[in-house]
C-alpha atoms as a PDB file:
ATOM      1  CA  MET A   1       0.254   0.089  -0.364  1.00  0.00           C
ATOM      2  CA  LYS A   2       2.814   2.044   0.790  1.00  0.00           C
ATOM      3  CA  SER A   3       4.312   2.077  -1.963  1.00  0.00           C
ATOM      4  CA  VAL A   4       1.253   2.343  -4.653  1.00  0.00           C
ATOM      5  CA  PHE A   5       0.896   5.823  -2.776  1.00  0.00           C
ATOM      6  CA  ILE A   6       5.027   6.924  -3.521  1.00  0.00           C
ATOM      7  CA  GLY A   7       3.804   6.090  -6.979  1.00  0.00           C
ATOM      8  CA  ILE A   8       1.008   8.556  -7.228  1.00  0.00           C
ATOM      9  CA  ALA A   9       3.061  10.722  -5.489  1.00  0.00           C
ATOM     10  CA  ILE A  10       6.033  10.299  -8.154  1.00  0.00           C
ATOM     11  CA  GLY A  11       3.149  10.613 -11.276  1.00  0.00           C
ATOM     12  CA  LEU A  12       2.293  13.923  -8.968  1.00  0.00           C
ATOM     13  CA  LEU A  13       5.675  15.171  -8.933  1.00  0.00           C
ATOM     14  CA  LEU A  14       6.316  14.579 -13.102  1.00  0.00           C
ATOM     15  CA  GLY A  15       2.927  15.987 -13.783  1.00  0.00           C
ATOM     16  CA  VAL A  16       3.801  19.195 -12.192  1.00  0.00           C
ATOM     17  CA  VAL A  17       6.992  19.570 -13.192  1.00  0.00           C
ATOM     18  CA  GLY A  18       5.635  18.840 -17.241  1.00  0.00           C
ATOM     19  CA  SER A  19       3.864  21.703 -17.190  1.00  0.00           C
ATOM     20  CA  MET A  20       6.148  23.936 -15.358  1.00  0.00           C
ATOM     21  CA  ASP A  21       8.846  22.820 -18.184  1.00  0.00           C
ATOM     22  CA  TYR A  22       6.136  23.562 -21.287  1.00  0.00           C
ATOM     23  CA  GLU A  23       5.235  26.713 -19.161  1.00  0.00           C
ATOM     24  CA  ASP A  24       8.661  27.893 -19.794  1.00  0.00           C
ATOM     25  CA  ALA A  25       8.495  27.292 -23.093  1.00  0.00           C
ATOM     26  CA  LYS A  26       5.637  29.092 -24.292  1.00  0.00           C
ATOM     27  CA  ALA A  27       7.303  31.370 -21.824  1.00  0.00           C
ATOM     28  CA  GLY A  28      10.088  31.821 -23.984  1.00  0.00           C
ATOM     29  CA  GLU A  29       8.648  30.891 -26.929  1.00  0.00           C
ATOM     30  CA  ALA A  30       6.725  34.541 -26.025  1.00  0.00           C
ATOM     31  CA  LEU A  31       9.213  36.391 -25.496  1.00  0.00           C
ATOM     32  CA  TYR A  32      11.458  35.760 -28.837  1.00  0.00           C
ATOM     33  CA  CYS A  33       8.239  35.835 -31.006  1.00  0.00           C
ATOM     34  CA  SER A  34       8.242  39.468 -28.714  1.00  0.00           C
ATOM     35  CA  ASN A  35      11.000  40.604 -29.961  1.00  0.00           C
ATOM     36  CA  VAL A  36      11.603  39.539 -33.379  1.00  0.00           C
ATOM     37  CA  LYS A  37       8.328  41.267 -34.416  1.00  0.00           C
ATOM     38  CA  ASN A  38       9.716  45.178 -32.284  1.00  0.00           C
ATOM     39  CA  GLY A  39      12.633  44.380 -34.321  1.00  0.00           C
ATOM     40  CA  VAL A  40      14.824  44.054 -30.971  1.00  0.00           C
ATOM     41  CA  TRP A  41      17.133  40.855 -32.516  1.00  0.00           C
ATOM     42  CA  PRO A  42      16.805  39.278 -36.382  1.00  0.00           C
ATOM     43  CA  ASP A  43      14.744  35.876 -36.450  1.00  0.00           C
ATOM     44  CA  TYR A  44      18.336  34.861 -35.633  1.00  0.00           C
ATOM     45  CA  ALA A  45      16.895  31.064 -34.396  1.00  0.00           C
ATOM     46  CA  GLY A  46      15.214  31.347 -37.803  1.00  0.00           C
ATOM     47  CA  ILE A  47      11.843  29.928 -36.181  1.00  0.00           C
ATOM     48  CA  TYR A  48       9.320  32.874 -36.536  1.00  0.00           C
ATOM     49  CA  THR A  49       7.089  32.794 -40.599  1.00  0.00           C
ATOM     50  CA  LYS A  50       6.604  29.051 -38.739  1.00  0.00           C
ATOM     51  CA  VAL A  51       6.595  29.805 -35.684  1.00  0.00           C
ATOM     52  CA  CYS A  52       5.113  33.485 -34.853  1.00  0.00           C
ATOM     53  CA  GLU A  53       3.466  34.722 -37.999  1.00  0.00           C
ATOM     54  CA  ALA A  54       0.408  33.590 -36.957  1.00  0.00           C
ATOM     55  CA  GLU A  55      -0.190  34.886 -33.349  1.00  0.00           C
ATOM     56  CA  TYR A  56       2.022  38.050 -33.398  1.00  0.00           C
ATOM     57  CA  GLY A  57       1.917  39.082 -37.096  1.00  0.00           C
ATOM     58  CA  LYS A  58       4.946  40.328 -39.475  1.00  0.00           C
ATOM     59  CA  PRO A  59       8.199  41.608 -37.549  1.00  0.00           C
ATOM     60  CA  LYS A  60       9.452  44.776 -38.078  1.00  0.00           C
ATOM     61  CA  LYS A  61      12.720  45.123 -40.031  1.00  0.00           C
ATOM     62  CA  PHE A  62      15.487  45.178 -37.785  1.00  0.00           C
ATOM     63  CA  THR A  63      18.297  47.641 -37.283  1.00  0.00           C
ATOM     64  CA  ASN A  64      21.681  47.053 -36.426  1.00  0.00           C
ATOM     65  CA  SER A  65      22.313  49.797 -33.484  1.00  0.00           C
ATOM     66  CA  SER A  66      25.134  49.927 -31.466  1.00  0.00           C
ATOM     67  CA  LEU A  67      24.231  50.686 -27.643  1.00  0.00           C
END
């Protein structure tokens, strides 16, 4: 009986960690798409048209600016 509860606890823990990992990935994707759209950086990963355009629209032209 004890091993059943341990198994359930481990399963729940893995579910929570997996959910948090997914949310982090979505937040990172949203940040990348936003920064490409606003011209903060170019589409260096080459995923904007496939991943971001439908949700965030066309990006601004990136201008190389020095800080």
